[in-house]
Each structure stands twice: as structure tokens, then as C-alpha cells.
Amino acid sequence: MALFPFAWADGDAPATLALRCLTELDPLPAEASLGLVYATGAIGGRLGEVLDALRASAPGITWVGTVGDGLCISGREIYDTPGLALLVTDIPAEHYHVVAPDGDRWPDSMSDWLAGRNGAFALLHGDPTDAATPLLLQQIVTHEGVGFVNGGLSASETDHVQVAGVLRRGSLSGVLLDPLVGIVTDHTQGVTPIGPIHALTEVHRNIAIRLDGRPALEVMREDVGEVIARDLQRLGGYIFAALPVPHTDTGDYLVRNLVGLDAQRGVVAVGDDLEGQAQLMFCRRDGNSAREDLERMLARLAQRLDGYEVRGGVYVSCVGRGRNQFGDQSEELRIIQDALGSFPLVGFFANGEIYNGRLYGYTGVLTLFVS
């Protein structure tokens, strides 16, 4: 089957970018149906102008997408300028369903569409500033008929907008794909564990009080090593907490920022609620390890793709990755291209990455459409 049409453009007004992309896509196949649209944060609230231009010129396509700190496209990263990337699929209308919540719950129409579909795939985009986002994520993850959830949270200095058929703001939105749509996906971590997994023996909200029965800060000092332990100001952006994912044999974990230390009380504050969590470990940010883990993920995918054709893909990477971890010559996206070859790829640098229904940080999530 043919590759999905895709196009990108940068450095112009939003509506002009849309028209440039559509010109590159012309003529669109008669089967063109669901489109993915990602824009840089420099466009922000003007994403509506892009959507208006897309709907006027290609009224038969339903668009889904959001804005990011930068764009991920085939072998290239785009930052610090108005930028736009489009990917157009030919997924039949009966095999996808655009979703957006009704207040603090998902609408009945979603349940109706999911009826009889076991194992649907969800691609979601969310607002990192909305308290309803994690709650709605948990709702859809546990919804009967939903099998796997990927996506990411928007990143913009101006407006965390989304597209789900129409322009919208707040919480989550996206598209459900029928299990008949071929999907292969995996994720890669950007930090490396530096010590053993510890039992969270005493916590209060987001504060780790005792690990393995000892003061949490004392345990952390041992794990990070003497040099860093002597100057805890060096921890920021380098040392993180990680919550091991239970009931998994892959050693997966969710990375969370350290948001505070209290030397007098010996406690460590983490950027997530620790109530109900059983374990915690510490990690370091390491560019070499991130590259190696990305290459391992791509090797796994290459094996799983044997016998399949990649028609297109979506890559959601953390704002802390890309040029901030791999270098400013689009190395992260070049590594993907070198490993899997050239294919239509769009995506964005996010404020949080969703993989298998969990909200990650410092992670890259690759979703491939295959046949």
C-alpha cells in the first residue's frame, strides 16, 4: 500500500503555511479521510487560522492535532519559528472516531462507537495546565473497548490548543482507531536509573519521608554519589525520581521531577502524588544513555516490523529531549530515520508523553501505521 501523504512548512503566517502544505499534498487521494496536524508553539492560538484554511481547501478531511515546543518530522526538527506539519491517512470513516470530553466525562457517543470494538487504539492530545487532563486520561484508559492509549500534552508559551474536528481548549481530545487499523508502537526513556528500587515506607502527598525505613534524603544522597551529594544545587535538571510501573516485566518507570528538598527534615518532594505508590528510585539525565535506549527501541521495532510496510508515523518527544539532549542538528529524528528508513513522520515536542495510558516525562513515543 502507498505511503500516507505528508507535508511541512515553516517561516510564514499560519494560513500561508497551511496553503503551502496543501499545495505540496495536491492532489490528495480520493480516499483521504483523517488528517493529523501539528504546529509549533509560535503559532499557538492562531492554530484556528490553520484549521480554517485546511477545512476550506480540503473539506473532506477530519483533522486532529495540537501545538508543541517544536515539530518532529522525517529526519528533521523545527523550533523557534511558525511551523506546520500535516499527515493525511486513508483510514475509512467507519474505522475512526474523533473524541472530546463533555465536561469532566467522555460522551456517550464514544461508548456507542466502542461497542463491539475490543482493543481500540487512542491517539490523544491534552492540556498540561488542566487538572481534568489526568482524570480523563484514566477514564479512557479503563473504558471498555479501549486497548491502548498514546499521545502527548501540548507545549506552547501562548495557548495550549487542540484540534479534534474543531478547535478546542482544555483537558483531552483525539481520535479512536478501530482494531483493524494496523498500529505498531514503542517508547524510549531519556534518563537512567542510578540506584536500586526503594520501598516508599512513609509518604505524605507528594513528599517521600522515608525510603526503606530511612530518611528519604539520606537514601538519595547515597544513590547520587558523594560529589553531587555535597552540593544538592547541582541536582536540578540532572537527577530525577522514577516510579516503577507495577505488574510489568520490562523494568518500565515513570520519570518525575524533584521539586524540593528539606535537609532539616530529611525529606524529598516529587512532582507527583506518592500516595498509593509502593516504590521509588532515582535517575540521572544522560545523553549517551538516551541515545542508546532510543537505538534499542528502534531495533525492537525493526524486528516487529518484519513483514509489515510502514505507511506513516507519529513521534511525540519530551521538550527536554531533542536539541536539549541529542544536539541541535535534528539528531533525535535523524536516528529514527537512519534506523527505520525514510517514511512520512509527524509529531511534536510535548509537555508530557502518553504511552500505554500512562503519562511519562523525558520519553519518546513512536506510533507507526502499518499494513
Protein backbone atom coordinates (compact mmCIF):
# COMPACT_ATOMS: atom_id res chain seq x y z
CA MET A 1 0.00 0.00 0.00
CA ALA A 2 1.08 3.60 -0.61
CA LEU A 3 2.74 5.85 1.93
CA PHE A 4 0.48 8.40 3.58
CA PRO A 5 0.84 11.87 2.03
CA PHE A 6 2.58 14.35 4.32
CA ALA A 7 3.99 17.86 4.11
CA TRP A 8 5.58 20.50 6.29
CA ALA A 9 6.38 24.20 6.05
CA ASP A 10 7.82 26.90 8.29
CA GLY A 11 8.60 30.61 8.48
CA ASP A 12 5.26 32.04 7.28
CA ALA A 13 1.90 33.21 8.59
CA PRO A 14 -0.30 30.35 9.82
CA ALA A 15 -2.79 30.35 6.93
CA THR A 16 0.06 30.61 4.43
CA LEU A 17 1.76 27.59 6.00
CA ALA A 18 -1.46 25.62 5.60
CA LEU A 19 -1.75 26.56 1.92
CA ARG A 20 1.91 25.70 1.30
CA CYS A 21 1.40 22.26 2.82
CA LEU A 22 -1.82 21.68 0.87
CA THR A 23 -0.08 22.68 -2.35
CA GLU A 24 2.61 20.11 -1.66
CA LEU A 25 -0.07 17.49 -0.95
CA ASP A 26 -2.06 18.27 -4.10
CA PRO A 27 -3.66 16.22 -5.47
CA LEU A 28 -4.91 14.42 -2.38
CA PRO A 29 -6.09 10.83 -2.92
CA ALA A 30 -9.84 10.35 -3.20
CA GLU A 31 -9.65 8.15 -0.08
CA ALA A 32 -8.10 10.92 2.08
CA SER A 33 -10.01 10.96 5.35
CA LEU A 34 -8.33 11.53 8.72
CA GLY A 35 -5.55 14.10 8.92
CA LEU A 36 -3.02 14.84 11.65
CA VAL A 37 -1.96 18.46 12.13
CA TYR A 38 0.85 19.66 14.39
CA ALA A 39 2.11 23.22 14.77
CA THR A 40 4.91 24.89 16.69
CA GLY A 41 4.09 26.90 19.78
CA ALA A 42 4.94 30.04 17.80
CA ILE A 43 1.56 29.56 16.10
CA GLY A 44 -0.23 28.85 19.39
CA GLY A 45 -3.69 30.40 19.47
CA ARG A 46 -3.56 31.10 15.73
CA LEU A 47 -3.97 27.41 15.03
CA GLY A 48 -7.58 28.28 14.25
CA GLU A 49 -6.37 30.14 11.15
CA VAL A 50 -4.60 26.98 10.02
CA LEU A 51 -7.70 24.89 10.61
CA ASP A 52 -9.90 27.34 8.69
CA ALA A 53 -7.55 27.18 5.71
CA LEU A 54 -7.39 23.38 5.83
CA ARG A 55 -11.15 22.96 6.02
CA ALA A 56 -11.74 25.43 3.20
CA SER A 57 -9.31 23.72 0.84
CA ALA A 58 -9.81 20.10 1.93
CA PRO A 59 -13.35 19.88 3.36
CA GLY A 60 -13.45 16.10 3.23
CA ILE A 61 -10.66 15.63 5.77
CA THR A 62 -11.21 15.48 9.53
CA TRP A 63 -8.25 16.99 11.39
CA VAL A 64 -6.79 16.06 14.78
CA GLY A 65 -3.70 17.55 16.42
CA THR A 66 -2.14 20.17 18.70
CA VAL A 67 0.82 22.52 19.22
CA GLY A 68 4.29 21.67 20.51
CA ASP A 69 7.52 23.33 21.59
CA GLY A 70 8.87 22.11 18.26
CA LEU A 71 7.92 19.79 15.42
CA CYS A 72 9.12 16.26 14.75
CA ILE A 73 9.14 15.35 11.06
CA SER A 74 11.04 12.83 8.97
CA GLY A 75 14.70 13.35 9.81
CA ARG A 76 14.20 16.92 10.97
CA GLU A 77 13.24 19.04 14.00
CA ILE A 78 11.72 22.52 13.72
CA TYR A 79 11.95 25.10 16.52
CA ASP A 80 11.62 28.83 17.19
CA THR A 81 9.56 29.68 14.11
CA PRO A 82 5.98 29.25 12.94
CA GLY A 83 5.90 25.69 11.64
CA LEU A 84 3.28 23.22 10.47
CA ALA A 85 3.27 19.50 9.66
CA LEU A 86 0.41 17.51 8.10
CA LEU A 87 -0.10 13.80 7.55
CA VAL A 88 -3.19 12.56 5.71
CA THR A 89 -4.42 8.98 6.12
CA ASP A 90 -6.94 6.97 4.13
CA ILE A 91 -8.45 5.24 7.17
CA PRO A 92 -12.13 4.63 6.32
CA ALA A 93 -14.57 6.84 8.24
CA GLU A 94 -16.14 3.83 9.96
CA HIS A 95 -12.75 2.88 11.39
CA TYR A 96 -12.05 6.08 13.34
CA HIS A 97 -13.95 8.27 15.77
CA VAL A 98 -12.91 11.75 16.91
CA VAL A 99 -13.41 12.22 20.65
CA ALA A 100 -13.56 15.17 23.04
CA PRO A 101 -14.97 15.14 26.57
CA ASP A 102 -18.24 16.61 27.70
CA GLY A 103 -17.13 18.48 30.80
CA ASP A 104 -15.48 16.02 33.17
CA ARG A 105 -16.56 12.85 31.36
CA TRP A 106 -16.35 11.27 27.95
CA PRO A 107 -19.58 11.45 25.93
CA ASP A 108 -21.97 8.56 25.39
CA SER A 109 -21.19 8.71 21.67
CA MET A 110 -17.73 7.35 22.46
CA SER A 111 -19.20 4.37 24.27
CA ASP A 112 -21.62 3.79 21.40
CA TRP A 113 -18.77 3.74 18.87
CA LEU A 114 -16.65 1.44 21.04
CA ALA A 115 -19.47 -1.08 21.46
CA GLY A 116 -18.34 -4.30 19.82
CA ARG A 117 -14.83 -2.97 19.23
CA ASN A 118 -12.37 -4.62 21.59
CA GLY A 119 -8.87 -3.16 21.62
CA ALA A 120 -9.31 0.26 20.01
CA PHE A 121 -6.24 2.48 19.85
CA ALA A 122 -6.49 6.08 21.08
CA LEU A 123 -4.23 8.93 19.97
CA LEU A 124 -4.82 11.82 22.38
CA HIS A 125 -3.63 15.39 22.83
CA GLY A 126 -4.01 17.21 26.14
CA ASP A 127 -3.68 20.46 28.04
CA PRO A 128 -0.91 20.19 30.67
CA THR A 129 -2.43 23.05 32.69
CA ASP A 130 -5.89 21.49 33.09
CA ALA A 131 -6.45 19.45 36.26
CA ALA A 132 -9.07 17.39 34.40
CA THR A 133 -6.48 16.01 31.95
CA PRO A 134 -5.12 13.13 34.10
CA LEU A 135 -8.62 12.27 35.31
CA LEU A 136 -9.98 11.99 31.77
CA LEU A 137 -6.92 10.01 30.75
CA GLN A 138 -7.63 7.50 33.48
CA GLN A 139 -11.27 7.31 32.40
CA ILE A 140 -10.48 6.47 28.80
CA VAL A 141 -7.72 4.03 29.73
CA THR A 142 -10.18 1.98 31.79
CA HIS A 143 -13.05 2.33 29.32
CA GLU A 144 -14.33 -0.95 27.91
CA GLY A 145 -13.19 -1.35 24.34
CA VAL A 146 -10.06 0.81 24.61
CA GLY A 147 -6.91 -1.27 24.32
CA PHE A 148 -4.00 1.18 24.06
CA VAL A 149 -3.62 4.94 24.52
CA ASN A 150 -0.77 7.08 23.16
CA GLY A 151 -0.31 10.82 22.64
CA GLY A 152 1.10 13.86 24.37
CA LEU A 153 0.41 17.14 26.14
CA SER A 154 0.71 20.36 24.19
CA ALA A 155 3.63 22.76 24.71
CA SER A 156 3.21 26.45 23.94
CA GLU A 157 4.04 29.75 25.60
CA THR A 158 0.79 31.25 24.36
CA ASP A 159 -2.10 28.80 24.06
CA HIS A 160 -2.48 25.04 24.65
CA VAL A 161 -4.91 24.47 21.80
CA GLN A 162 -6.00 21.20 20.25
CA VAL A 163 -7.79 20.16 17.09
CA ALA A 164 -10.45 17.46 17.25
CA GLY A 165 -12.52 18.17 14.17
CA VAL A 166 -12.82 21.70 15.52
CA LEU A 167 -10.51 23.94 17.53
CA ARG A 168 -10.78 23.34 21.26
CA ARG A 169 -9.05 24.06 24.55
CA GLY A 170 -8.65 22.20 27.82
CA SER A 171 -8.36 18.60 29.02
CA LEU A 172 -8.02 15.91 26.34
CA SER A 173 -9.17 15.17 22.82
CA GLY A 174 -8.11 13.00 19.94
CA VAL A 175 -9.16 10.06 17.84
CA LEU A 176 -10.04 6.42 18.40
CA LEU A 177 -8.90 3.90 15.81
CA ASP A 178 -10.60 0.59 15.13
CA PRO A 179 -8.52 -2.51 15.99
CA LEU A 180 -8.49 -3.23 12.24
CA VAL A 181 -6.13 -0.25 11.77
CA GLY A 182 -2.57 -1.57 11.85
CA ILE A 183 -0.51 0.02 14.64
CA VAL A 184 2.97 -0.77 15.96
CA THR A 185 4.30 1.32 18.84
CA ASP A 186 7.07 1.57 21.44
CA HIS A 187 8.70 4.13 23.71
CA THR A 188 12.16 5.15 24.86
CA GLN A 189 13.37 6.69 28.11
CA GLY A 190 15.65 9.71 28.45
CA VAL A 191 17.03 9.04 31.93
CA THR A 192 18.92 6.15 33.52
CA PRO A 193 18.44 4.58 36.98
CA ILE A 194 21.42 5.20 39.28
CA GLY A 195 20.50 3.10 42.27
CA PRO A 196 18.24 0.30 43.47
CA ILE A 197 14.48 0.42 43.75
CA HIS A 198 13.45 1.61 47.21
CA ALA A 199 10.31 0.90 49.19
CA LEU A 200 8.25 4.01 49.94
CA THR A 201 7.75 3.32 53.62
CA GLU A 202 6.34 6.75 54.56
CA VAL A 203 4.87 9.45 52.31
CA HIS A 204 2.61 12.47 52.57
CA ARG A 205 1.02 13.59 49.31
CA ASN A 206 4.00 14.26 47.03
CA ILE A 207 6.64 14.06 49.78
CA ALA A 208 8.81 10.99 50.30
CA ILE A 209 9.54 10.94 54.04
CA ARG A 210 11.17 7.54 54.44
CA LEU A 211 12.62 5.09 51.90
CA ASP A 212 13.42 1.56 53.08
CA GLY A 213 12.65 2.83 56.58
CA ARG A 214 15.32 5.54 56.42
CA PRO A 215 15.11 9.30 55.80
CA ALA A 216 14.46 9.75 52.08
CA LEU A 217 17.09 12.46 51.58
CA GLU A 218 19.74 10.29 53.22
CA VAL A 219 18.95 7.46 50.79
CA MET A 220 19.01 9.84 47.83
CA ARG A 221 22.43 11.21 48.84
CA GLU A 222 23.84 7.68 48.80
CA ASP A 223 22.41 6.95 45.35
CA VAL A 224 23.55 10.14 43.62
CA GLY A 225 27.13 9.85 44.85
CA GLU A 226 29.41 11.91 47.03
CA VAL A 227 30.21 14.69 44.55
CA ILE A 228 26.60 15.66 43.87
CA ALA A 229 25.52 14.94 47.45
CA ARG A 230 27.94 17.63 48.67
CA ASP A 231 26.16 20.26 46.52
CA LEU A 232 22.48 19.49 46.12
CA GLN A 233 22.05 22.62 43.97
CA ARG A 234 23.53 20.53 41.16
CA LEU A 235 20.56 18.16 41.18
CA GLY A 236 18.24 20.35 39.10
CA GLY A 237 17.75 19.05 35.57
CA TYR A 238 20.14 16.16 36.17
CA ILE A 239 18.69 13.96 38.93
CA PHE A 240 15.06 12.78 38.88
CA ALA A 241 12.74 10.48 40.75
CA ALA A 242 11.22 7.50 38.99
CA LEU A 243 8.17 5.42 39.86
CA PRO A 244 8.47 1.79 38.70
CA VAL A 245 5.43 0.64 36.72
CA PRO A 246 3.83 -2.25 38.63
CA HIS A 247 2.97 -5.59 37.04
CA THR A 248 5.42 -5.23 34.14
CA ASP A 249 8.41 -7.37 33.24
CA THR A 250 10.12 -4.68 31.15
CA GLY A 251 11.54 -2.61 34.01
CA ASP A 252 9.49 0.39 32.89
CA TYR A 253 9.22 3.51 35.04
CA LEU A 254 7.63 6.96 35.09
CA VAL A 255 10.07 9.85 35.48
CA ARG A 256 9.09 12.72 37.76
CA ASN A 257 10.90 15.96 38.63
CA LEU A 258 12.35 16.62 42.06
CA VAL A 259 10.56 19.75 43.23
CA GLY A 260 12.00 20.24 46.72
CA LEU A 261 14.44 19.01 49.36
CA ASP A 262 14.35 19.65 53.09
CA ALA A 263 17.71 18.88 54.68
CA GLN A 264 16.41 19.53 58.19
CA ARG A 265 13.54 17.05 57.90
CA GLY A 266 15.37 14.73 55.51
CA VAL A 267 12.52 14.57 53.01
CA VAL A 268 12.27 14.73 49.21
CA ALA A 269 9.37 16.32 47.30
CA VAL A 270 8.44 14.85 43.91
CA GLY A 271 6.32 16.25 41.09
CA ASP A 272 3.55 13.68 41.54
CA ASP A 273 1.30 12.27 44.24
CA LEU A 274 3.10 9.46 46.04
CA GLU A 275 0.06 8.25 47.98
CA GLY A 276 -0.64 4.69 46.86
CA GLN A 277 2.81 4.27 45.29
CA ALA A 278 4.91 1.40 46.61
CA GLN A 279 8.36 2.08 45.20
CA LEU A 280 10.69 4.85 44.05
CA MET A 281 14.17 5.08 42.57
CA PHE A 282 16.46 7.86 41.43
CA CYS A 283 17.67 8.50 37.89
CA ARG A 284 20.10 10.76 36.07
CA ARG A 285 19.70 12.53 32.77
CA ASP A 286 22.32 11.18 30.39
CA GLY A 287 22.55 11.99 26.69
CA ASN A 288 24.57 8.89 25.82
CA SER A 289 22.17 6.58 27.64
CA ALA A 290 19.20 8.29 25.98
CA ARG A 291 20.73 7.69 22.55
CA GLU A 292 21.44 4.05 23.38
CA ASP A 293 17.90 3.48 24.65
CA LEU A 294 16.45 5.13 21.52
CA GLU A 295 18.55 2.83 19.35
CA ARG A 296 17.39 -0.20 21.38
CA MET A 297 13.75 0.82 20.89
CA LEU A 298 14.27 1.21 17.15
CA ALA A 299 15.96 -2.20 16.95
CA ARG A 300 12.94 -3.75 18.70
CA LEU A 301 10.60 -2.01 16.29
CA ALA A 302 12.62 -3.10 13.26
CA GLN A 303 12.19 -6.71 14.36
CA ARG A 304 8.46 -6.29 14.93
CA LEU A 305 8.04 -4.62 11.54
CA ASP A 306 9.31 -7.67 9.67
CA GLY A 307 6.64 -8.41 7.06
CA TYR A 308 4.89 -5.05 7.50
CA GLU A 309 5.02 -1.86 5.49
CA VAL A 310 5.21 1.44 7.38
CA ARG A 311 2.78 3.91 5.82
CA GLY A 312 3.39 6.78 8.25
CA GLY A 313 4.00 7.61 11.86
CA VAL A 314 3.65 9.98 14.80
CA TYR A 315 6.52 10.77 17.16
CA VAL A 316 5.88 12.55 20.45
CA SER A 317 9.05 13.50 22.30
CA CYS A 318 9.64 15.44 25.51
CA VAL A 319 10.65 19.11 25.37
CA GLY A 320 13.67 18.01 27.41
CA ARG A 321 14.83 15.74 24.60
CA GLY A 322 15.51 16.82 21.00
CA ARG A 323 18.04 19.65 20.84
CA ASN A 324 18.27 19.74 24.64
CA GLN A 325 19.60 16.20 24.89
CA PHE A 326 20.72 14.96 21.47
CA GLY A 327 22.11 18.15 19.91
CA ASP A 328 20.84 20.93 17.69
CA GLN A 329 21.22 19.20 14.32
CA SER A 330 17.97 17.18 14.49
CA GLU A 331 19.92 14.17 15.77
CA GLU A 332 16.97 12.53 17.54
CA LEU A 333 14.86 12.43 14.37
CA ARG A 334 17.87 11.50 12.24
CA ILE A 335 18.49 8.46 14.44
CA ILE A 336 14.92 7.31 13.79
CA GLN A 337 15.32 7.82 10.05
CA ASP A 338 18.66 6.02 9.97
CA ALA A 339 17.21 3.01 11.79
CA LEU A 340 13.82 2.63 10.09
CA GLY A 341 14.36 4.39 6.78
CA SER A 342 12.56 7.37 5.32
CA PHE A 343 8.78 7.40 5.78
CA PRO A 344 6.14 10.08 6.46
CA LEU A 345 6.56 11.11 10.09
CA VAL A 346 4.96 13.98 12.00
CA GLY A 347 4.77 14.85 15.68
CA PHE A 348 5.77 17.36 18.33
CA PHE A 349 7.85 18.08 21.41
CA ALA A 350 5.46 17.76 24.33
CA ASN A 351 4.95 18.77 27.95
CA GLY A 352 4.27 15.14 28.80
CA GLU A 353 4.13 11.97 26.73
CA ILE A 354 1.37 9.35 26.84
CA TYR A 355 2.29 5.73 26.25
CA ASN A 356 0.02 2.79 27.01
CA GLY A 357 -2.25 5.05 29.03
CA ARG A 358 0.46 6.40 31.34
CA LEU A 359 1.80 9.94 31.48
CA TYR A 360 5.58 9.97 31.09
CA GLY A 361 8.33 12.57 31.11
CA TYR A 362 11.65 12.70 29.23
CA THR A 363 10.29 10.00 26.92
CA GLY A 364 9.88 9.49 23.18
CA VAL A 365 6.77 7.67 21.92
CA LEU A 366 6.72 6.35 18.35
CA THR A 367 3.43 5.22 16.79
CA LEU A 368 3.58 3.63 13.34
CA PHE A 369 0.72 3.00 10.91
CA VAL A 370 1.42 -0.30 9.15
CA SER A 371 -0.12 -2.61 6.60
